[in-house]
Amino acid sequence: MTLSRFESYAVARAGVARVALGGELDWDSAPYVHKAVAACLAEQPKTLCLDLTDVSFCDCAGGNALLEARIAVRAAGAGLVVEGIGAQLARLLALIGASDLLPAGRVAEATEPARRD
């Protein structure tokens, strides 16, 4: 059972959606990534930001969820920015040859969340 907290934000301002993840990103929490990304993409943002700053652990299932999020974002015609990739996740991405698939960057902080799960 995953005890991590999961939050998602859909931001209407300036065409930016933000999904913030925290805790352990694994088999149990991966479905929540899909749900949050889909909710944000429903807002038709120009850019979706995955904020991974508070992710303490990520296994292959979590990494797969992030790569599937990338596919969904691209299919929706939005840009993807990833913030806060920690050392453990960076190593996992390097081991599977996916370091270049999740572009690191920064997006201006969202003001008021339109949705909070």
C-alpha atoms as a PDB file:
ATOM      1  CA  MET A   1       0.000   0.000   0.000  1.00  0.00           C
ATOM      2  CA  THR A   2       1.320   3.420  -0.952  1.00  0.00           C
ATOM      3  CA  LEU A   3       1.179   5.980   1.813  1.00  0.00           C
ATOM      4  CA  SER A   4       2.301   8.838  -0.391  1.00  0.00           C
ATOM      5  CA  ARG A   5       0.172  11.879  -1.001  1.00  0.00           C
ATOM      6  CA  PHE A   6      -0.831  12.631  -4.550  1.00  0.00           C
ATOM      7  CA  GLU A   7      -2.066  15.985  -5.794  1.00  0.00           C
ATOM      8  CA  SER A   8      -2.992  17.255  -9.209  1.00  0.00           C
ATOM      9  CA  TYR A   9      -3.676  20.765 -10.405  1.00  0.00           C
ATOM     10  CA  ALA A  10      -5.360  21.913 -13.582  1.00  0.00           C
ATOM     11  CA  VAL A  11      -4.517  25.548 -14.170  1.00  0.00           C
ATOM     12  CA  ALA A  12      -6.601  27.637 -16.526  1.00  0.00           C
ATOM     13  CA  ARG A  13      -4.381  30.707 -16.503  1.00  0.00           C
ATOM     14  CA  ALA A  14      -1.963  31.184 -19.395  1.00  0.00           C
ATOM     15  CA  GLY A  15      -2.648  27.727 -20.859  1.00  0.00           C
ATOM     16  CA  VAL A  16      -0.541  25.878 -18.285  1.00  0.00           C
ATOM     17  CA  ALA A  17      -1.601  22.724 -16.446  1.00  0.00           C
ATOM     18  CA  ARG A  18       0.430  21.406 -13.528  1.00  0.00           C
ATOM     19  CA  VAL A  19       0.543  17.904 -12.050  1.00  0.00           C
ATOM     20  CA  ALA A  20       2.451  17.764  -8.768  1.00  0.00           C
ATOM     21  CA  LEU A  21       3.457  14.332  -7.489  1.00  0.00           C
ATOM     22  CA  GLY A  22       4.864  13.453  -4.097  1.00  0.00           C
ATOM     23  CA  GLY A  23       5.921  10.336  -2.200  1.00  0.00           C
ATOM     24  CA  GLU A  24       6.478   6.970  -3.847  1.00  0.00           C
ATOM     25  CA  LEU A  25       5.631   6.667  -7.516  1.00  0.00           C
ATOM     26  CA  ASP A  26       5.113   2.941  -7.966  1.00  0.00           C
ATOM     27  CA  TRP A  27       2.640   0.263  -9.045  1.00  0.00           C
ATOM     28  CA  ASP A  28       0.025   1.477  -6.547  1.00  0.00           C
ATOM     29  CA  SER A  29       0.232   5.175  -7.375  1.00  0.00           C
ATOM     30  CA  ALA A  30       0.807   4.965 -11.156  1.00  0.00           C
ATOM     31  CA  PRO A  31      -2.942   4.948 -11.979  1.00  0.00           C
ATOM     32  CA  TYR A  32      -3.271   8.297 -10.206  1.00  0.00           C
ATOM     33  CA  VAL A  33      -0.720   9.787 -12.586  1.00  0.00           C
ATOM     34  CA  HIS A  34      -2.890   8.751 -15.536  1.00  0.00           C
ATOM     35  CA  LYS A  35      -5.996  10.213 -13.876  1.00  0.00           C
ATOM     36  CA  ALA A  36      -4.323  13.533 -13.038  1.00  0.00           C
ATOM     37  CA  VAL A  37      -2.798  13.960 -16.486  1.00  0.00           C
ATOM     38  CA  ALA A  38      -6.125  13.182 -18.182  1.00  0.00           C
ATOM     39  CA  ALA A  39      -7.916  15.702 -15.941  1.00  0.00           C
ATOM     40  CA  CYS A  40      -5.356  18.366 -16.783  1.00  0.00           C
ATOM     41  CA  LEU A  41      -5.440  17.629 -20.506  1.00  0.00           C
ATOM     42  CA  ALA A  42      -9.229  18.049 -20.433  1.00  0.00           C
ATOM     43  CA  GLU A  43      -8.486  21.733 -19.752  1.00  0.00           C
ATOM     44  CA  GLN A  44      -6.700  21.845 -23.155  1.00  0.00           C
ATOM     45  CA  PRO A  45      -3.493  23.456 -21.906  1.00  0.00           C
ATOM     46  CA  LYS A  46      -0.684  24.554 -24.189  1.00  0.00           C
ATOM     47  CA  THR A  47       1.834  23.177 -21.691  1.00  0.00           C
ATOM     48  CA  LEU A  48       1.620  20.500 -19.025  1.00  0.00           C
ATOM     49  CA  CYS A  49       4.149  20.595 -16.208  1.00  0.00           C
ATOM     50  CA  LEU A  50       4.955  17.461 -14.225  1.00  0.00           C
ATOM     51  CA  ASP A  51       6.380  18.587 -10.894  1.00  0.00           C
ATOM     52  CA  LEU A  52       8.327  15.669  -9.424  1.00  0.00           C
ATOM     53  CA  THR A  53      10.101  17.659  -6.713  1.00  0.00           C
ATOM     54  CA  ASP A  54       8.500  15.706  -3.859  1.00  0.00           C
ATOM     55  CA  VAL A  55       8.835  12.225  -5.406  1.00  0.00           C
ATOM     56  CA  SER A  56      10.945  10.229  -2.958  1.00  0.00           C
ATOM     57  CA  PHE A  57      11.014   6.955  -4.927  1.00  0.00           C
ATOM     58  CA  CYS A  58      10.102   5.788  -8.409  1.00  0.00           C
ATOM     59  CA  ASP A  59      10.099   2.215  -9.680  1.00  0.00           C
ATOM     60  CA  CYS A  60       9.621   0.914 -13.228  1.00  0.00           C
ATOM     61  CA  ALA A  61       5.831   1.142 -12.996  1.00  0.00           C
ATOM     62  CA  GLY A  62       6.122   4.781 -11.948  1.00  0.00           C
ATOM     63  CA  GLY A  63       8.620   5.476 -14.707  1.00  0.00           C
ATOM     64  CA  ASN A  64       6.265   3.853 -17.189  1.00  0.00           C
ATOM     65  CA  ALA A  65       3.416   6.073 -15.938  1.00  0.00           C
ATOM     66  CA  LEU A  66       5.582   9.136 -16.578  1.00  0.00           C
ATOM     67  CA  LEU A  67       6.440   7.955 -20.085  1.00  0.00           C
ATOM     68  CA  GLU A  68       2.765   7.244 -20.783  1.00  0.00           C
ATOM     69  CA  ALA A  69       1.991  10.767 -19.545  1.00  0.00           C
ATOM     70  CA  ARG A  70       4.476  12.070 -22.103  1.00  0.00           C
ATOM     71  CA  ILE A  71       2.679  10.168 -24.864  1.00  0.00           C
ATOM     72  CA  ALA A  72      -0.716  11.518 -23.758  1.00  0.00           C
ATOM     73  CA  VAL A  73       0.551  15.093 -23.593  1.00  0.00           C
ATOM     74  CA  ARG A  74       2.096  14.902 -27.051  1.00  0.00           C
ATOM     75  CA  ALA A  75      -1.055  13.271 -28.468  1.00  0.00           C
ATOM     76  CA  ALA A  76      -3.067  16.197 -27.067  1.00  0.00           C
ATOM     77  CA  GLY A  77      -0.773  18.632 -28.870  1.00  0.00           C
ATOM     78  CA  ALA A  78       0.574  20.179 -25.669  1.00  0.00           C
ATOM     79  CA  GLY A  79       4.137  20.774 -24.608  1.00  0.00           C
ATOM     80  CA  LEU A  80       5.630  18.912 -21.664  1.00  0.00           C
ATOM     81  CA  VAL A  81       7.964  20.291 -19.022  1.00  0.00           C
ATOM     82  CA  VAL A  82       9.277  18.246 -16.106  1.00  0.00           C
ATOM     83  CA  GLU A  83      10.448  19.904 -12.899  1.00  0.00           C
ATOM     84  CA  GLY A  84      12.292  18.413  -9.944  1.00  0.00           C
ATOM     85  CA  ILE A  85      13.748  15.154 -11.244  1.00  0.00           C
ATOM     86  CA  GLY A  86      15.678  13.780  -8.264  1.00  0.00           C
ATOM     87  CA  ALA A  87      18.808  11.643  -8.338  1.00  0.00           C
ATOM     88  CA  GLN A  88      16.999   8.307  -7.959  1.00  0.00           C
ATOM     89  CA  LEU A  89      14.539   9.018 -10.783  1.00  0.00           C
ATOM     90  CA  ALA A  90      17.302  10.435 -12.985  1.00  0.00           C
ATOM     91  CA  ARG A  91      19.277   7.214 -12.509  1.00  0.00           C
ATOM     92  CA  LEU A  92      16.226   5.069 -13.368  1.00  0.00           C
ATOM     93  CA  LEU A  93      15.609   7.095 -16.537  1.00  0.00           C
ATOM     94  CA  ALA A  94      19.284   6.790 -17.508  1.00  0.00           C
ATOM     95  CA  LEU A  95      19.261   3.011 -16.962  1.00  0.00           C
ATOM     96  CA  ILE A  96      16.290   2.548 -19.290  1.00  0.00           C
ATOM     97  CA  GLY A  97      17.579   5.029 -21.875  1.00  0.00           C
ATOM     98  CA  ALA A  98      14.781   7.520 -21.296  1.00  0.00           C
ATOM     99  CA  SER A  99      16.699  10.514 -19.919  1.00  0.00           C
ATOM    100  CA  ASP A 100      15.963  12.632 -22.991  1.00  0.00           C
ATOM    101  CA  LEU A 101      12.249  11.779 -23.088  1.00  0.00           C
ATOM    102  CA  LEU A 102      11.243  13.865 -20.059  1.00  0.00           C
ATOM    103  CA  PRO A 103      12.492  17.400 -20.756  1.00  0.00           C
ATOM    104  CA  ALA A 104      13.584  19.235 -17.634  1.00  0.00           C
ATOM    105  CA  GLY A 105      12.613  22.869 -17.361  1.00  0.00           C
ATOM    106  CA  ARG A 106      10.662  25.403 -15.352  1.00  0.00           C
ATOM    107  CA  VAL A 107       7.176  26.793 -15.799  1.00  0.00           C
ATOM    108  CA  ALA A 108       5.979  29.895 -13.992  1.00  0.00           C
ATOM    109  CA  GLU A 109       4.116  29.020 -10.784  1.00  0.00           C
ATOM    110  CA  ALA A 110       0.394  28.644 -11.195  1.00  0.00           C
ATOM    111  CA  THR A 111      -1.779  31.002  -9.272  1.00  0.00           C
ATOM    112  CA  GLU A 112      -5.088  29.490  -8.219  1.00  0.00           C
ATOM    113  CA  PRO A 113      -5.727  25.797  -8.891  1.00  0.00           C
ATOM    114  CA  ALA A 114      -8.798  25.128 -10.972  1.00  0.00           C
ATOM    115  CA  ARG A 115      -9.070  21.579  -9.641  1.00  0.00           C
ATOM    116  CA  ARG A 116      -7.478  19.805  -6.717  1.00  0.00           C
ATOM    117  CA  ASP A 117      -7.685  16.018  -6.221  1.00  0.00           C
END
